[in-house]
Amino acid sequence: MVEGLMKKPSVAVPLVLRRMRAKLDEWREAQKNYNRLWREQCDKNHAKWQQSQAASFRQVDGRQMRTKTLLNGADTAAEEVSLSHRCIVVIGDVD
């Protein structure tokens, strides 16, 4: 083919272009098929990932919504508020 391009480019170039266009069409069709397969595989993997994450989210939510945890959080918040509202009174000589 390279030899034909060197000797008679006017004959070889249209043949090469035709073959390149055919290959391009073939590759585009293959890409469409692979894109469909990859999308399906990604969707399956995403669904599996979500299912595995749901169990850990349930555990964390369960721990955070226990009465003891909620009461500890309320106590901590109340202590922070009371500490922030305290005033320091200095008794002594002010110059």
Protein backbone atom coordinates (compact mmCIF):
# COMPACT_ATOMS: atom_id res chain seq x y z
CA MET A 1 0.00 0.00 0.00
CA VAL A 2 2.83 2.40 0.87
CA GLU A 3 4.51 1.46 -2.37
CA GLY A 4 1.30 2.25 -4.29
CA LEU A 5 1.10 5.65 -2.59
CA MET A 6 4.64 6.41 -3.74
CA LYS A 7 4.24 5.22 -7.33
CA LYS A 8 0.64 6.20 -8.15
CA PRO A 9 -0.85 8.43 -5.44
CA SER A 10 -3.83 9.40 -7.62
CA VAL A 11 -5.00 5.77 -7.61
CA ALA A 12 -3.95 4.78 -4.09
CA VAL A 13 -5.25 7.80 -2.13
CA PRO A 14 -8.96 7.21 -2.86
CA LEU A 15 -8.56 3.53 -1.89
CA VAL A 16 -6.78 4.43 1.34
CA LEU A 17 -9.45 7.03 2.19
CA ARG A 18 -12.23 4.53 1.55
CA ARG A 19 -10.59 1.96 3.81
CA MET A 20 -9.94 4.55 6.52
CA ARG A 21 -13.59 5.67 6.44
CA ALA A 22 -14.74 2.05 6.66
CA LYS A 23 -12.45 1.48 9.67
CA LEU A 24 -13.69 4.68 11.29
CA ASP A 25 -17.30 3.54 10.91
CA GLU A 26 -16.37 0.13 12.30
CA TRP A 27 -14.65 1.68 15.32
CA ARG A 28 -17.54 4.03 16.01
CA GLU A 29 -19.97 1.11 16.00
CA ALA A 30 -17.68 -0.84 18.34
CA GLN A 31 -17.44 2.19 20.62
CA LYS A 32 -21.24 2.46 20.80
CA ASN A 33 -21.46 -1.19 21.82
CA TYR A 34 -18.72 -0.85 24.42
CA ASN A 35 -20.24 2.33 25.80
CA ARG A 36 -23.52 0.49 26.34
CA LEU A 37 -21.74 -2.38 28.09
CA TRP A 38 -19.63 -0.03 30.23
CA ARG A 39 -22.69 1.98 31.24
CA GLU A 40 -24.52 -1.19 32.30
CA GLN A 41 -21.49 -2.36 34.28
CA CYS A 42 -21.08 1.03 35.97
CA ASP A 43 -24.77 1.05 36.90
CA LYS A 44 -24.47 -2.41 38.45
CA ASN A 45 -21.35 -1.44 40.39
CA HIS A 46 -22.97 1.79 41.59
CA ALA A 47 -26.02 -0.11 42.85
CA LYS A 48 -23.76 -2.56 44.72
CA TRP A 49 -21.80 0.33 46.22
CA GLN A 50 -24.99 1.99 47.44
CA GLN A 51 -26.18 -1.24 49.05
CA SER A 52 -22.89 -1.68 50.87
CA GLN A 53 -22.95 1.94 52.06
CA ALA A 54 -26.53 1.66 53.33
CA ALA A 55 -25.53 -0.82 56.05
CA SER A 56 -22.80 1.44 57.43
CA PHE A 57 -25.08 4.50 57.30
CA ARG A 58 -27.73 2.59 59.24
CA GLN A 59 -25.20 1.66 61.92
CA VAL A 60 -23.95 5.24 62.29
CA ASP A 61 -27.48 6.65 62.37
CA GLY A 62 -28.51 4.06 64.92
CA ARG A 63 -25.63 5.03 67.20
CA GLN A 64 -26.26 8.75 66.82
CA MET A 65 -29.99 8.49 67.49
CA ARG A 66 -29.71 6.58 70.78
CA THR A 67 -31.12 8.37 73.80
CA LYS A 68 -27.80 8.32 75.64
CA THR A 69 -25.95 9.91 72.69
CA LEU A 70 -28.61 12.58 72.24
CA LEU A 71 -28.57 13.45 75.95
CA ASN A 72 -24.77 13.67 75.99
CA GLY A 73 -24.89 16.00 73.00
CA ALA A 74 -27.49 18.20 74.70
CA ASP A 75 -25.44 18.33 77.90
CA THR A 76 -22.31 19.28 75.98
CA ALA A 77 -24.15 22.03 74.12
CA ALA A 78 -25.61 23.37 77.37
CA GLU A 79 -22.16 23.45 78.99
CA GLU A 80 -20.72 25.34 76.02
CA VAL A 81 -23.52 27.91 76.22
CA SER A 82 -23.10 28.40 79.95
CA LEU A 83 -19.32 28.80 79.59
CA SER A 84 -19.72 31.39 76.88
CA HIS A 85 -22.13 33.47 79.00
CA ARG A 86 -19.99 33.65 82.12
CA CYS A 87 -18.53 37.00 83.02
CA ILE A 88 -15.20 37.50 84.69
CA VAL A 89 -15.31 40.14 87.38
CA VAL A 90 -12.05 41.66 88.45
CA ILE A 91 -12.01 43.22 91.85
CA GLY A 92 -9.09 45.40 92.60
CA ASP A 93 -7.29 48.53 91.66
CA VAL A 94 -7.99 49.66 88.08
CA ASP A 95 -5.63 52.35 86.80
